[in-house]
Amino acid sequence: MVKLHDALYAGRPFAHRALHVDFTPHIGVGNDPDPHVCLRQIALWNETEFALRGRVATLDLVRYEDDAVHTFAQVQLL
């Protein structure tokens, strides 16, 4: 994921990269309009150590607009 992140910020988008912030690989698992619901779910998940296994087959490029996430492109990775 780090290599993909770096590749996506190569070229013209590099000017928008925040060099003072390290990229932390992450995958969005869920969301809720109420941030307190998200915090409760995170606390619940963090009570037990677990691992997720799988593969990323699709990359969605999204924009956040009007309080909603909209996919504007999708890239098949496999």
N, C-alpha and C. Protein backbone atom coordinates (compact mmCIF):
# COMPACT_ATOMS: atom_id res chain seq x y z
N MET A 1 0.82 -1.19 0.00
CA MET A 1 0.00 0.00 0.00
C MET A 1 0.87 1.26 0.00
N VAL A 2 2.02 1.19 0.64
CA VAL A 2 2.90 2.36 0.66
C VAL A 2 3.40 2.67 -0.74
N LYS A 3 3.78 1.63 -1.49
CA LYS A 3 4.25 1.84 -2.86
C LYS A 3 3.13 2.41 -3.73
N LEU A 4 1.91 1.92 -3.55
CA LEU A 4 0.78 2.44 -4.31
C LEU A 4 0.53 3.91 -3.95
N HIS A 5 0.58 4.24 -2.68
CA HIS A 5 0.41 5.62 -2.23
C HIS A 5 1.45 6.52 -2.90
N ASP A 6 2.71 6.10 -2.87
CA ASP A 6 3.78 6.90 -3.48
C ASP A 6 3.57 7.06 -4.98
N ALA A 7 3.14 5.99 -5.64
CA ALA A 7 2.90 6.06 -7.09
C ALA A 7 1.75 7.01 -7.41
N LEU A 8 0.70 7.01 -6.58
CA LEU A 8 -0.44 7.89 -6.82
C LEU A 8 -0.06 9.36 -6.64
N TYR A 9 0.93 9.63 -5.80
CA TYR A 9 1.37 11.01 -5.58
C TYR A 9 2.56 11.41 -6.44
N ALA A 10 2.96 10.57 -7.38
CA ALA A 10 4.06 10.91 -8.28
C ALA A 10 3.58 11.92 -9.32
N GLY A 11 4.50 12.67 -9.86
CA GLY A 11 4.14 13.62 -10.92
C GLY A 11 3.38 14.82 -10.40
N ARG A 12 2.36 15.24 -11.12
CA ARG A 12 1.61 16.47 -10.80
C ARG A 12 1.01 16.48 -9.39
N PRO A 13 0.44 15.35 -8.90
CA PRO A 13 -0.15 15.39 -7.55
C PRO A 13 0.86 15.61 -6.43
N PHE A 14 2.17 15.46 -6.72
CA PHE A 14 3.19 15.58 -5.67
C PHE A 14 3.10 16.93 -4.95
N ALA A 15 2.72 17.97 -5.65
CA ALA A 15 2.63 19.31 -5.05
C ALA A 15 1.60 19.35 -3.92
N HIS A 16 0.66 18.41 -3.90
CA HIS A 16 -0.40 18.39 -2.89
C HIS A 16 -0.09 17.45 -1.74
N ARG A 17 1.05 16.77 -1.79
CA ARG A 17 1.40 15.80 -0.76
C ARG A 17 1.93 16.52 0.48
N ALA A 18 1.46 16.13 1.64
CA ALA A 18 1.93 16.70 2.90
C ALA A 18 3.17 15.94 3.34
N LEU A 19 4.33 16.47 3.03
CA LEU A 19 5.59 15.77 3.29
C LEU A 19 5.88 15.62 4.78
N HIS A 20 5.30 16.45 5.61
CA HIS A 20 5.54 16.38 7.06
C HIS A 20 4.67 15.32 7.74
N VAL A 21 3.79 14.68 6.99
CA VAL A 21 2.90 13.65 7.55
C VAL A 21 3.25 12.31 6.92
N ASP A 22 3.63 11.34 7.75
CA ASP A 22 3.90 10.00 7.24
C ASP A 22 2.60 9.32 6.84
N PHE A 23 2.65 8.56 5.74
CA PHE A 23 1.48 7.80 5.31
C PHE A 23 1.39 6.54 6.17
N THR A 24 0.24 6.32 6.75
CA THR A 24 -0.02 5.10 7.51
C THR A 24 -0.97 4.24 6.69
N PRO A 25 -0.50 3.06 6.24
CA PRO A 25 -1.39 2.20 5.45
C PRO A 25 -2.66 1.89 6.24
N HIS A 26 -3.79 1.98 5.57
CA HIS A 26 -5.07 1.73 6.24
C HIS A 26 -6.11 1.32 5.20
N ILE A 27 -7.12 0.67 5.69
CA ILE A 27 -8.26 0.28 4.87
C ILE A 27 -9.51 0.70 5.62
N GLY A 28 -10.40 1.40 4.96
CA GLY A 28 -11.66 1.78 5.59
C GLY A 28 -12.56 0.56 5.71
N VAL A 29 -13.03 0.28 6.92
CA VAL A 29 -13.86 -0.89 7.15
C VAL A 29 -15.32 -0.51 7.29
N GLY A 30 -15.58 0.68 7.77
CA GLY A 30 -16.96 1.10 7.97
C GLY A 30 -17.02 2.57 8.29
N ASN A 31 -18.22 3.09 8.34
CA ASN A 31 -18.41 4.50 8.61
C ASN A 31 -19.81 4.72 9.15
N ASP A 32 -20.00 5.83 9.80
CA ASP A 32 -21.32 6.19 10.31
C ASP A 32 -21.38 7.71 10.38
N PRO A 33 -22.53 8.30 10.08
CA PRO A 33 -22.64 9.76 10.19
C PRO A 33 -22.36 10.28 11.60
N ASP A 34 -22.59 9.44 12.61
CA ASP A 34 -22.35 9.83 14.00
C ASP A 34 -20.95 9.37 14.41
N PRO A 35 -20.02 10.28 14.63
CA PRO A 35 -18.65 9.88 14.97
C PRO A 35 -18.57 9.11 16.29
N HIS A 36 -19.53 9.30 17.19
CA HIS A 36 -19.52 8.56 18.45
C HIS A 36 -19.79 7.07 18.22
N VAL A 37 -20.61 6.75 17.23
CA VAL A 37 -20.84 5.35 16.87
C VAL A 37 -19.53 4.73 16.40
N CYS A 38 -18.78 5.46 15.59
CA CYS A 38 -17.48 4.97 15.11
C CYS A 38 -16.52 4.76 16.28
N LEU A 39 -16.46 5.71 17.20
CA LEU A 39 -15.55 5.58 18.35
C LEU A 39 -15.91 4.38 19.21
N ARG A 40 -17.21 4.13 19.42
CA ARG A 40 -17.62 2.95 20.20
C ARG A 40 -17.21 1.66 19.50
N GLN A 41 -17.38 1.61 18.17
CA GLN A 41 -17.02 0.41 17.43
C GLN A 41 -15.51 0.19 17.47
N ILE A 42 -14.74 1.25 17.34
CA ILE A 42 -13.28 1.14 17.42
C ILE A 42 -12.87 0.61 18.78
N ALA A 43 -13.45 1.15 19.84
CA ALA A 43 -13.12 0.69 21.20
C ALA A 43 -13.45 -0.79 21.36
N LEU A 44 -14.57 -1.21 20.81
CA LEU A 44 -14.97 -2.62 20.89
C LEU A 44 -13.96 -3.50 20.16
N TRP A 45 -13.58 -3.10 18.94
CA TRP A 45 -12.60 -3.89 18.18
C TRP A 45 -11.24 -3.92 18.87
N ASN A 46 -10.86 -2.84 19.51
CA ASN A 46 -9.55 -2.77 20.14
C ASN A 46 -9.46 -3.55 21.45
N GLU A 47 -10.58 -4.07 21.94
CA GLU A 47 -10.56 -4.89 23.15
C GLU A 47 -9.87 -6.23 22.93
N THR A 48 -9.87 -6.70 21.70
CA THR A 48 -9.31 -8.01 21.36
C THR A 48 -8.35 -7.86 20.20
N GLU A 49 -7.22 -8.57 20.29
CA GLU A 49 -6.27 -8.55 19.18
C GLU A 49 -6.77 -9.49 18.09
N PHE A 50 -6.79 -9.01 16.86
CA PHE A 50 -7.23 -9.84 15.74
C PHE A 50 -6.54 -9.37 14.48
N ALA A 51 -6.58 -10.20 13.47
CA ALA A 51 -5.99 -9.86 12.17
C ALA A 51 -7.02 -10.12 11.08
N LEU A 52 -6.96 -9.31 10.05
CA LEU A 52 -7.80 -9.50 8.88
C LEU A 52 -6.92 -10.07 7.77
N ARG A 53 -7.44 -11.04 7.06
CA ARG A 53 -6.69 -11.64 5.97
C ARG A 53 -7.50 -11.49 4.69
N GLY A 54 -6.84 -11.18 3.62
CA GLY A 54 -7.54 -11.03 2.36
C GLY A 54 -6.66 -10.37 1.33
N ARG A 55 -7.27 -9.91 0.26
CA ARG A 55 -6.52 -9.20 -0.77
C ARG A 55 -7.36 -8.05 -1.28
N VAL A 56 -6.66 -7.02 -1.70
CA VAL A 56 -7.33 -5.84 -2.24
C VAL A 56 -7.42 -6.04 -3.75
N ALA A 57 -8.63 -6.13 -4.27
CA ALA A 57 -8.83 -6.38 -5.70
C ALA A 57 -9.21 -5.12 -6.46
N THR A 58 -9.75 -4.13 -5.76
CA THR A 58 -10.23 -2.92 -6.41
C THR A 58 -9.84 -1.70 -5.59
N LEU A 59 -9.42 -0.66 -6.28
CA LEU A 59 -9.12 0.61 -5.64
C LEU A 59 -10.17 1.61 -6.09
N ASP A 60 -10.89 2.19 -5.14
CA ASP A 60 -11.88 3.22 -5.46
C ASP A 60 -11.25 4.59 -5.21
N LEU A 61 -11.34 5.46 -6.19
CA LEU A 61 -10.93 6.85 -6.02
C LEU A 61 -12.19 7.64 -5.70
N VAL A 62 -12.17 8.31 -4.57
CA VAL A 62 -13.38 8.95 -4.07
C VAL A 62 -13.14 10.42 -3.77
N ARG A 63 -14.24 11.15 -3.71
CA ARG A 63 -14.19 12.53 -3.24
C ARG A 63 -15.28 12.69 -2.17
N TYR A 64 -14.99 13.50 -1.20
CA TYR A 64 -15.94 13.79 -0.14
C TYR A 64 -16.58 15.13 -0.46
N GLU A 65 -17.88 15.12 -0.68
CA GLU A 65 -18.58 16.32 -1.11
C GLU A 65 -20.02 16.26 -0.60
N ASP A 66 -20.52 17.36 -0.12
CA ASP A 66 -21.91 17.43 0.38
C ASP A 66 -22.18 16.38 1.44
N ASP A 67 -21.23 16.20 2.36
CA ASP A 67 -21.36 15.23 3.46
C ASP A 67 -21.53 13.80 2.98
N ALA A 68 -20.99 13.48 1.82
CA ALA A 68 -21.08 12.11 1.30
C ALA A 68 -19.81 11.78 0.53
N VAL A 69 -19.51 10.50 0.46
CA VAL A 69 -18.36 10.01 -0.31
C VAL A 69 -18.87 9.52 -1.65
N HIS A 70 -18.26 10.00 -2.72
CA HIS A 70 -18.66 9.63 -4.08
C HIS A 70 -17.48 9.00 -4.81
N THR A 71 -17.66 7.80 -5.35
CA THR A 71 -16.63 7.16 -6.17
C THR A 71 -16.64 7.79 -7.55
N PHE A 72 -15.47 8.27 -8.01
CA PHE A 72 -15.40 8.85 -9.35
C PHE A 72 -14.57 8.00 -10.29
N ALA A 73 -13.84 7.02 -9.77
CA ALA A 73 -13.10 6.09 -10.63
C ALA A 73 -12.82 4.83 -9.82
N GLN A 74 -12.67 3.74 -10.54
CA GLN A 74 -12.38 2.46 -9.91
C GLN A 74 -11.30 1.76 -10.71
N VAL A 75 -10.29 1.23 -10.01
CA VAL A 75 -9.16 0.57 -10.67
C VAL A 75 -9.14 -0.89 -10.22
N GLN A 76 -9.18 -1.81 -11.17
CA GLN A 76 -9.07 -3.23 -10.86
C GLN A 76 -7.59 -3.55 -10.64
N LEU A 77 -7.25 -4.13 -9.51
CA LEU A 77 -5.86 -4.42 -9.18
C LEU A 77 -5.48 -5.86 -9.48
N LEU A 78 -6.44 -6.75 -9.55
CA LEU A 78 -6.16 -8.17 -9.81
C LEU A 78 -6.81 -8.60 -11.10
